[in-house]
Amino acid sequence: MQVRTSFDSTTPVLSFTSGSGITLGGTAGTILVAASAATTAGVATGQYVYDLEMVSGGSAVTRLIQGTFLVDPEVTK
């Protein structure tokens, strides 16, 4: 999974892989993406794009989900 400022951005803002931010649920078919506060601390307020791809043992790439999200500054201090 990669998060970028735009679709054509060459540098990811965040990047996750299985075992490093992504936990696969095996036969349950679930995928958990989790980022620590330390990982996201350097992400600036703004709108981002992301996609999550799965790579099979045969190197076939399948996009599972894509979208946009907003990062808002912390309100509670």
PDB file of N, CA and C in Angstrom:
ATOM      1  N   MET A   1       0.851  -1.165   0.000  1.00  0.00           N
ATOM      2  CA  MET A   1       0.000   0.000   0.000  1.00  0.00           C
ATOM      3  C   MET A   1       0.892   1.221   0.000  1.00  0.00           C
ATOM      4  N   GLN A   2       0.532   2.182  -0.847  1.00  0.00           N
ATOM      5  CA  GLN A   2       1.249   3.449  -0.854  1.00  0.00           C
ATOM      6  C   GLN A   2       0.262   4.604  -0.779  1.00  0.00           C
ATOM      7  N   VAL A   3       0.704   5.654  -0.092  1.00  0.00           N
ATOM      8  CA  VAL A   3      -0.054   6.892   0.038  1.00  0.00           C
ATOM      9  C   VAL A   3       0.800   7.986  -0.591  1.00  0.00           C
ATOM     10  N   ARG A   4       0.181   8.777  -1.466  1.00  0.00           N
ATOM     11  CA  ARG A   4       0.910   9.850  -2.160  1.00  0.00           C
ATOM     12  C   ARG A   4       0.081  11.134  -2.143  1.00  0.00           C
ATOM     13  N   THR A   5       0.754  12.249  -2.397  1.00  0.00           N
ATOM     14  CA  THR A   5       0.042  13.526  -2.444  1.00  0.00           C
ATOM     15  C   THR A   5      -0.826  13.646  -3.686  1.00  0.00           C
ATOM     16  N   SER A   6      -0.447  12.938  -4.763  1.00  0.00           N
ATOM     17  CA  SER A   6      -1.236  12.928  -5.989  1.00  0.00           C
ATOM     18  C   SER A   6      -0.925  11.644  -6.750  1.00  0.00           C
ATOM     19  N   PHE A   7      -1.740  11.322  -7.743  1.00  0.00           N
ATOM     20  CA  PHE A   7      -1.555  10.098  -8.510  1.00  0.00           C
ATOM     21  C   PHE A   7      -0.209  10.070  -9.231  1.00  0.00           C
ATOM     22  N   ASP A   8       0.271  11.236  -9.651  1.00  0.00           N
ATOM     23  CA  ASP A   8       1.522  11.277 -10.399  1.00  0.00           C
ATOM     24  C   ASP A   8       2.746  11.616  -9.551  1.00  0.00           C
ATOM     25  N   SER A   9       2.583  11.700  -8.256  1.00  0.00           N
ATOM     26  CA  SER A   9       3.704  11.955  -7.352  1.00  0.00           C
ATOM     27  C   SER A   9       4.690  10.789  -7.414  1.00  0.00           C
ATOM     28  N   THR A  10       5.973  11.095  -7.434  1.00  0.00           N
ATOM     29  CA  THR A  10       6.985  10.040  -7.547  1.00  0.00           C
ATOM     30  C   THR A  10       7.433   9.488  -6.192  1.00  0.00           C
ATOM     31  N   THR A  11       7.124  10.202  -5.109  1.00  0.00           N
ATOM     32  CA  THR A  11       7.570   9.779  -3.780  1.00  0.00           C
ATOM     33  C   THR A  11       6.381   9.502  -2.873  1.00  0.00           C
ATOM     34  N   PRO A  12       6.286   8.285  -2.306  1.00  0.00           N
ATOM     35  CA  PRO A  12       5.192   8.008  -1.373  1.00  0.00           C
ATOM     36  C   PRO A  12       5.360   8.780  -0.060  1.00  0.00           C
ATOM     37  N   VAL A  13       4.235   9.209   0.496  1.00  0.00           N
ATOM     38  CA  VAL A  13       4.225   9.834   1.821  1.00  0.00           C
ATOM     39  C   VAL A  13       4.306   8.733   2.879  1.00  0.00           C
ATOM     40  N   LEU A  14       3.574   7.647   2.645  1.00  0.00           N
ATOM     41  CA  LEU A  14       3.591   6.464   3.509  1.00  0.00           C
ATOM     42  C   LEU A  14       3.617   5.226   2.621  1.00  0.00           C
ATOM     43  N   SER A  15       4.219   4.167   3.119  1.00  0.00           N
ATOM     44  CA  SER A  15       4.265   2.906   2.396  1.00  0.00           C
ATOM     45  C   SER A  15       4.164   1.766   3.406  1.00  0.00           C
ATOM     46  N   PHE A  16       3.284   0.817   3.136  1.00  0.00           N
ATOM     47  CA  PHE A  16       3.067  -0.318   4.036  1.00  0.00           C
ATOM     48  C   PHE A  16       3.191  -1.621   3.258  1.00  0.00           C
ATOM     49  N   THR A  17       3.693  -2.656   3.919  1.00  0.00           N
ATOM     50  CA  THR A  17       3.771  -3.986   3.322  1.00  0.00           C
ATOM     51  C   THR A  17       3.290  -5.007   4.349  1.00  0.00           C
ATOM     52  N   SER A  18       3.045  -6.207   3.900  1.00  0.00           N
ATOM     53  CA  SER A  18       2.672  -7.288   4.812  1.00  0.00           C
ATOM     54  C   SER A  18       3.788  -7.458   5.832  1.00  0.00           C
ATOM     55  N   GLY A  19       3.441  -7.397   7.101  1.00  0.00           N
ATOM     56  CA  GLY A  19       4.423  -7.502   8.168  1.00  0.00           C
ATOM     57  C   GLY A  19       4.984  -6.160   8.599  1.00  0.00           C
ATOM     58  N   SER A  20       4.713  -5.108   7.840  1.00  0.00           N
ATOM     59  CA  SER A  20       5.171  -3.763   8.182  1.00  0.00           C
ATOM     60  C   SER A  20       4.013  -2.791   7.991  1.00  0.00           C
ATOM     61  N   GLY A  21       3.042  -2.895   8.899  1.00  0.00           N
ATOM     62  CA  GLY A  21       1.860  -2.043   8.834  1.00  0.00           C
ATOM     63  C   GLY A  21       0.627  -2.736   8.309  1.00  0.00           C
ATOM     64  N   ILE A  22       0.797  -3.865   7.619  1.00  0.00           N
ATOM     65  CA  ILE A  22      -0.345  -4.624   7.093  1.00  0.00           C
ATOM     66  C   ILE A  22      -0.321  -6.018   7.694  1.00  0.00           C
ATOM     67  N   THR A  23      -1.454  -6.414   8.266  1.00  0.00           N
ATOM     68  CA  THR A  23      -1.609  -7.757   8.825  1.00  0.00           C
ATOM     69  C   THR A  23      -2.697  -8.476   8.041  1.00  0.00           C
ATOM     70  N   LEU A  24      -2.342  -9.623   7.480  1.00  0.00           N
ATOM     71  CA  LEU A  24      -3.303 -10.420   6.713  1.00  0.00           C
ATOM     72  C   LEU A  24      -3.997 -11.413   7.624  1.00  0.00           C
ATOM     73  N   GLY A  25      -5.297 -11.593   7.426  1.00  0.00           N
ATOM     74  CA  GLY A  25      -6.103 -12.451   8.276  1.00  0.00           C
ATOM     75  C   GLY A  25      -6.224 -13.885   7.807  1.00  0.00           C
ATOM     76  N   GLY A  26      -5.380 -14.323   6.901  1.00  0.00           N
ATOM     77  CA  GLY A  26      -5.383 -15.718   6.463  1.00  0.00           C
ATOM     78  C   GLY A  26      -6.698 -16.135   5.846  1.00  0.00           C
ATOM     79  N   THR A  27      -7.234 -17.273   6.311  1.00  0.00           N
ATOM     80  CA  THR A  27      -8.462 -17.819   5.730  1.00  0.00           C
ATOM     81  C   THR A  27      -9.675 -16.931   5.983  1.00  0.00           C
ATOM     82  N   ALA A  28      -9.588 -16.021   6.968  1.00  0.00           N
ATOM     83  CA  ALA A  28     -10.698 -15.088   7.224  1.00  0.00           C
ATOM     84  C   ALA A  28     -10.805 -14.053   6.100  1.00  0.00           C
ATOM     85  N   GLY A  29      -9.717 -13.856   5.354  1.00  0.00           N
ATOM     86  CA  GLY A  29      -9.736 -12.927   4.235  1.00  0.00           C
ATOM     87  C   GLY A  29      -9.699 -11.461   4.621  1.00  0.00           C
ATOM     88  N   THR A  30      -9.294 -11.165   5.842  1.00  0.00           N
ATOM     89  CA  THR A  30      -9.258  -9.776   6.286  1.00  0.00           C
ATOM     90  C   THR A  30      -7.878  -9.167   6.081  1.00  0.00           C
ATOM     91  N   ILE A  31      -7.863  -7.845   6.005  1.00  0.00           N
ATOM     92  CA  ILE A  31      -6.620  -7.089   5.894  1.00  0.00           C
ATOM     93  C   ILE A  31      -6.716  -5.927   6.877  1.00  0.00           C
ATOM     94  N   LEU A  32      -5.730  -5.829   7.773  1.00  0.00           N
ATOM     95  CA  LEU A  32      -5.678  -4.736   8.741  1.00  0.00           C
ATOM     96  C   LEU A  32      -4.503  -3.849   8.389  1.00  0.00           C
ATOM     97  N   VAL A  33      -4.779  -2.567   8.190  1.00  0.00           N
ATOM     98  CA  VAL A  33      -3.724  -1.584   7.953  1.00  0.00           C
ATOM     99  C   VAL A  33      -3.678  -0.692   9.183  1.00  0.00           C
ATOM    100  N   ALA A  34      -2.509  -0.611   9.814  1.00  0.00           N
ATOM    101  CA  ALA A  34      -2.371   0.188  11.025  1.00  0.00           C
ATOM    102  C   ALA A  34      -1.084   0.997  10.963  1.00  0.00           C
ATOM    103  N   ALA A  35      -1.185   2.269  11.295  1.00  0.00           N
ATOM    104  CA  ALA A  35      -0.020   3.154  11.313  1.00  0.00           C
ATOM    105  C   ALA A  35       0.107   3.746  12.706  1.00  0.00           C
ATOM    106  N   SER A  36       1.297   3.702  13.245  1.00  0.00           N
ATOM    107  CA  SER A  36       1.537   4.247  14.583  1.00  0.00           C
ATOM    108  C   SER A  36       1.560   5.770  14.537  1.00  0.00           C
ATOM    109  N   ALA A  37       1.447   6.371  15.702  1.00  0.00           N
ATOM    110  CA  ALA A  37       1.533   7.829  15.798  1.00  0.00           C
ATOM    111  C   ALA A  37       2.892   8.312  15.299  1.00  0.00           C
ATOM    112  N   ALA A  38       3.937   7.551  15.587  1.00  0.00           N
ATOM    113  CA  ALA A  38       5.281   7.931  15.127  1.00  0.00           C
ATOM    114  C   ALA A  38       5.363   7.905  13.605  1.00  0.00           C
ATOM    115  N   THR A  39       4.697   6.939  12.979  1.00  0.00           N
ATOM    116  CA  THR A  39       4.709   6.819  11.516  1.00  0.00           C
ATOM    117  C   THR A  39       3.971   7.977  10.861  1.00  0.00           C
ATOM    118  N   THR A  40       2.870   8.398  11.448  1.00  0.00           N
ATOM    119  CA  THR A  40       2.045   9.439  10.830  1.00  0.00           C
ATOM    120  C   THR A  40       2.390  10.849  11.302  1.00  0.00           C
ATOM    121  N   ALA A  41       3.271  10.980  12.273  1.00  0.00           N
ATOM    122  CA  ALA A  41       3.596  12.300  12.837  1.00  0.00           C
ATOM    123  C   ALA A  41       4.106  13.276  11.783  1.00  0.00           C
ATOM    124  N   GLY A  42       4.828  12.790  10.798  1.00  0.00           N
ATOM    125  CA  GLY A  42       5.390  13.667   9.781  1.00  0.00           C
ATOM    126  C   GLY A  42       4.498  13.925   8.586  1.00  0.00           C
ATOM    127  N   VAL A  43       3.279  13.402   8.614  1.00  0.00           N
ATOM    128  CA  VAL A  43       2.357  13.586   7.483  1.00  0.00           C
ATOM    129  C   VAL A  43       1.637  14.926   7.654  1.00  0.00           C
ATOM    130  N   ALA A  44       1.810  15.790   6.684  1.00  0.00           N
ATOM    131  CA  ALA A  44       1.220  17.125   6.743  1.00  0.00           C
ATOM    132  C   ALA A  44      -0.290  17.072   6.531  1.00  0.00           C
ATOM    133  N   THR A  45      -0.968  18.071   7.068  1.00  0.00           N
ATOM    134  CA  THR A  45      -2.398  18.230   6.834  1.00  0.00           C
ATOM    135  C   THR A  45      -2.633  18.347   5.330  1.00  0.00           C
ATOM    136  N   GLY A  46      -3.644  17.639   4.830  1.00  0.00           N
ATOM    137  CA  GLY A  46      -3.967  17.731   3.414  1.00  0.00           C
ATOM    138  C   GLY A  46      -4.727  16.530   2.916  1.00  0.00           C
ATOM    139  N   GLN A  47      -4.964  16.495   1.617  1.00  0.00           N
ATOM    140  CA  GLN A  47      -5.673  15.390   0.970  1.00  0.00           C
ATOM    141  C   GLN A  47      -4.658  14.505   0.260  1.00  0.00           C
ATOM    142  N   TYR A  48      -4.846  13.198   0.383  1.00  0.00           N
ATOM    143  CA  TYR A  48      -3.926  12.218  -0.179  1.00  0.00           C
ATOM    144  C   TYR A  48      -4.689  11.164  -0.968  1.00  0.00           C
ATOM    145  N   VAL A  49      -3.964  10.445  -1.821  1.00  0.00           N
ATOM    146  CA  VAL A  49      -4.523   9.315  -2.562  1.00  0.00           C
ATOM    147  C   VAL A  49      -3.774   8.055  -2.141  1.00  0.00           C
ATOM    148  N   TYR A  50      -4.457   6.917  -2.226  1.00  0.00           N
ATOM    149  CA  TYR A  50      -3.823   5.657  -1.845  1.00  0.00           C
ATOM    150  C   TYR A  50      -4.376   4.527  -2.687  1.00  0.00           C
ATOM    151  N   ASP A  51      -3.631   3.433  -2.733  1.00  0.00           N
ATOM    152  CA  ASP A  51      -4.180   2.173  -3.199  1.00  0.00           C
ATOM    153  C   ASP A  51      -3.477   1.040  -2.477  1.00  0.00           C
ATOM    154  N   LEU A  52      -4.168  -0.070  -2.414  1.00  0.00           N
ATOM    155  CA  LEU A  52      -3.662  -1.272  -1.760  1.00  0.00           C
ATOM    156  C   LEU A  52      -3.660  -2.370  -2.810  1.00  0.00           C
ATOM    157  N   GLU A  53      -2.493  -2.916  -3.081  1.00  0.00           N
ATOM    158  CA  GLU A  53      -2.361  -3.956  -4.095  1.00  0.00           C
ATOM    159  C   GLU A  53      -1.876  -5.254  -3.465  1.00  0.00           C
ATOM    160  N   MET A  54      -2.322  -6.355  -4.042  1.00  0.00           N
ATOM    161  CA  MET A  54      -1.895  -7.682  -3.616  1.00  0.00           C
ATOM    162  C   MET A  54      -1.062  -8.275  -4.748  1.00  0.00           C
ATOM    163  N   VAL A  55       0.079  -8.864  -4.386  1.00  0.00           N
ATOM    164  CA  VAL A  55       0.949  -9.511  -5.371  1.00  0.00           C
ATOM    165  C   VAL A  55       0.915 -11.006  -5.104  1.00  0.00           C
ATOM    166  N   SER A  56       0.506 -11.773  -6.096  1.00  0.00           N
ATOM    167  CA  SER A  56       0.399 -13.230  -5.949  1.00  0.00           C
ATOM    168  C   SER A  56       1.782 -13.869  -6.026  1.00  0.00           C
ATOM    169  N   GLY A  57       1.841 -15.149  -5.703  1.00  0.00           N
ATOM    170  CA  GLY A  57       3.084 -15.899  -5.813  1.00  0.00           C
ATOM    171  C   GLY A  57       3.635 -15.903  -7.224  1.00  0.00           C
ATOM    172  N   GLY A  58       2.756 -15.750  -8.208  1.00  0.00           N
ATOM    173  CA  GLY A  58       3.161 -15.701  -9.608  1.00  0.00           C
ATOM    174  C   GLY A  58       3.437 -14.286 -10.102  1.00  0.00           C
ATOM    175  N   SER A  59       3.514 -13.330  -9.177  1.00  0.00           N
ATOM    176  CA  SER A  59       3.809 -11.913  -9.463  1.00  0.00           C
ATOM    177  C   SER A  59       2.677 -11.152 -10.141  1.00  0.00           C
ATOM    178  N   ALA A  60       1.456 -11.698 -10.128  1.00  0.00           N
ATOM    179  CA  ALA A  60       0.306 -10.955 -10.658  1.00  0.00           C
ATOM    180  C   ALA A  60      -0.114  -9.915  -9.621  1.00  0.00           C
ATOM    181  N   VAL A  61      -0.330  -8.687 -10.074  1.00  0.00           N
ATOM    182  CA  VAL A  61      -0.694  -7.582  -9.182  1.00  0.00           C
ATOM    183  C   VAL A  61      -2.183  -7.289  -9.341  1.00  0.00           C
ATOM    184  N   THR A  62      -2.904  -7.257  -8.194  1.00  0.00           N
ATOM    185  CA  THR A  62      -4.332  -6.944  -8.182  1.00  0.00           C
ATOM    186  C   THR A  62      -4.575  -5.789  -7.227  1.00  0.00           C
ATOM    187  N   ARG A  63      -5.204  -4.733  -7.718  1.00  0.00           N
ATOM    188  CA  ARG A  63      -5.560  -3.609  -6.847  1.00  0.00           C
ATOM    189  C   ARG A  63      -6.827  -3.989  -6.085  1.00  0.00           C
ATOM    190  N   LEU A  64      -6.754  -3.950  -4.758  1.00  0.00           N
ATOM    191  CA  LEU A  64      -7.889  -4.335  -3.928  1.00  0.00           C
ATOM    192  C   LEU A  64      -8.779  -3.151  -3.560  1.00  0.00           C
ATOM    193  N   ILE A  65      -8.168  -2.010  -3.335  1.00  0.00           N
ATOM    194  CA  ILE A  65      -8.930  -0.828  -2.936  1.00  0.00           C
ATOM    195  C   ILE A  65      -8.111   0.405  -3.286  1.00  0.00           C
ATOM    196  N   GLN A  66      -8.809   1.513  -3.507  1.00  0.00           N
ATOM    197  CA  GLN A  66      -8.145   2.781  -3.782  1.00  0.00           C
ATOM    198  C   GLN A  66      -9.039   3.901  -3.291  1.00  0.00           C
ATOM    199  N   GLY A  67      -8.469   5.065  -3.120  1.00  0.00           N
ATOM    200  CA  GLY A  67      -9.304   6.185  -2.711  1.00  0.00           C
ATOM    201  C   GLY A  67      -8.510   7.392  -2.280  1.00  0.00           C
ATOM    202  N   THR A  68      -9.219   8.310  -1.643  1.00  0.00           N
ATOM    203  CA  THR A  68      -8.612   9.523  -1.107  1.00  0.00           C
ATOM    204  C   THR A  68      -8.964   9.626   0.375  1.00  0.00           C
ATOM    205  N   PHE A  69      -8.147  10.357   1.091  1.00  0.00           N
ATOM    206  CA  PHE A  69      -8.484  10.650   2.480  1.00  0.00           C
ATOM    207  C   PHE A  69      -7.861  11.964   2.896  1.00  0.00           C
ATOM    208  N   LEU A  70      -8.406  12.547   3.938  1.00  0.00           N
ATOM    209  CA  LEU A  70      -7.924  13.808   4.467  1.00  0.00           C
ATOM    210  C   LEU A  70      -7.173  13.585   5.763  1.00  0.00           C
ATOM    211  N   VAL A  71      -6.123  14.353   5.950  1.00  0.00           N
ATOM    212  CA  VAL A  71      -5.422  14.396   7.233  1.00  0.00           C
ATOM    213  C   VAL A  71      -5.707  15.774   7.803  1.00  0.00           C
ATOM    214  N   ASP A  72      -6.412  15.809   8.921  1.00  0.00           N
ATOM    215  CA  ASP A  72      -6.743  17.055   9.600  1.00  0.00           C
ATOM    216  C   ASP A  72      -5.834  17.237  10.804  1.00  0.00           C
ATOM    217  N   PRO A  73      -5.525  18.484  11.166  1.00  0.00           N
ATOM    218  CA  PRO A  73      -4.702  18.701  12.349  1.00  0.00           C
ATOM    219  C   PRO A  73      -5.443  18.283  13.614  1.00  0.00           C
ATOM    220  N   GLU A  74      -4.676  17.955  14.624  1.00  0.00           N
ATOM    221  CA  GLU A  74      -5.258  17.560  15.903  1.00  0.00           C
ATOM    222  C   GLU A  74      -6.020  18.730  16.512  1.00  0.00           C
ATOM    223  N   VAL A  75      -7.194  18.448  17.047  1.00  0.00           N
ATOM    224  CA  VAL A  75      -8.022  19.487  17.658  1.00  0.00           C
ATOM    225  C   VAL A  75      -7.810  19.499  19.171  1.00  0.00           C
ATOM    226  N   THR A  76      -7.867  18.329  19.780  1.00  0.00           N
ATOM    227  CA  THR A  76      -7.699  18.228  21.235  1.00  0.00           C
ATOM    228  C   THR A  76      -6.217  18.310  21.572  1.00  0.00           C
ATOM    229  N   LYS A  77      -5.862  19.214  22.436  1.00  0.00           N
ATOM    230  CA  LYS A  77      -4.454  19.407  22.816  1.00  0.00           C
ATOM    231  C   LYS A  77      -4.245  19.067  24.276  1.00  0.00           C
TER     232      LYS A  77
END
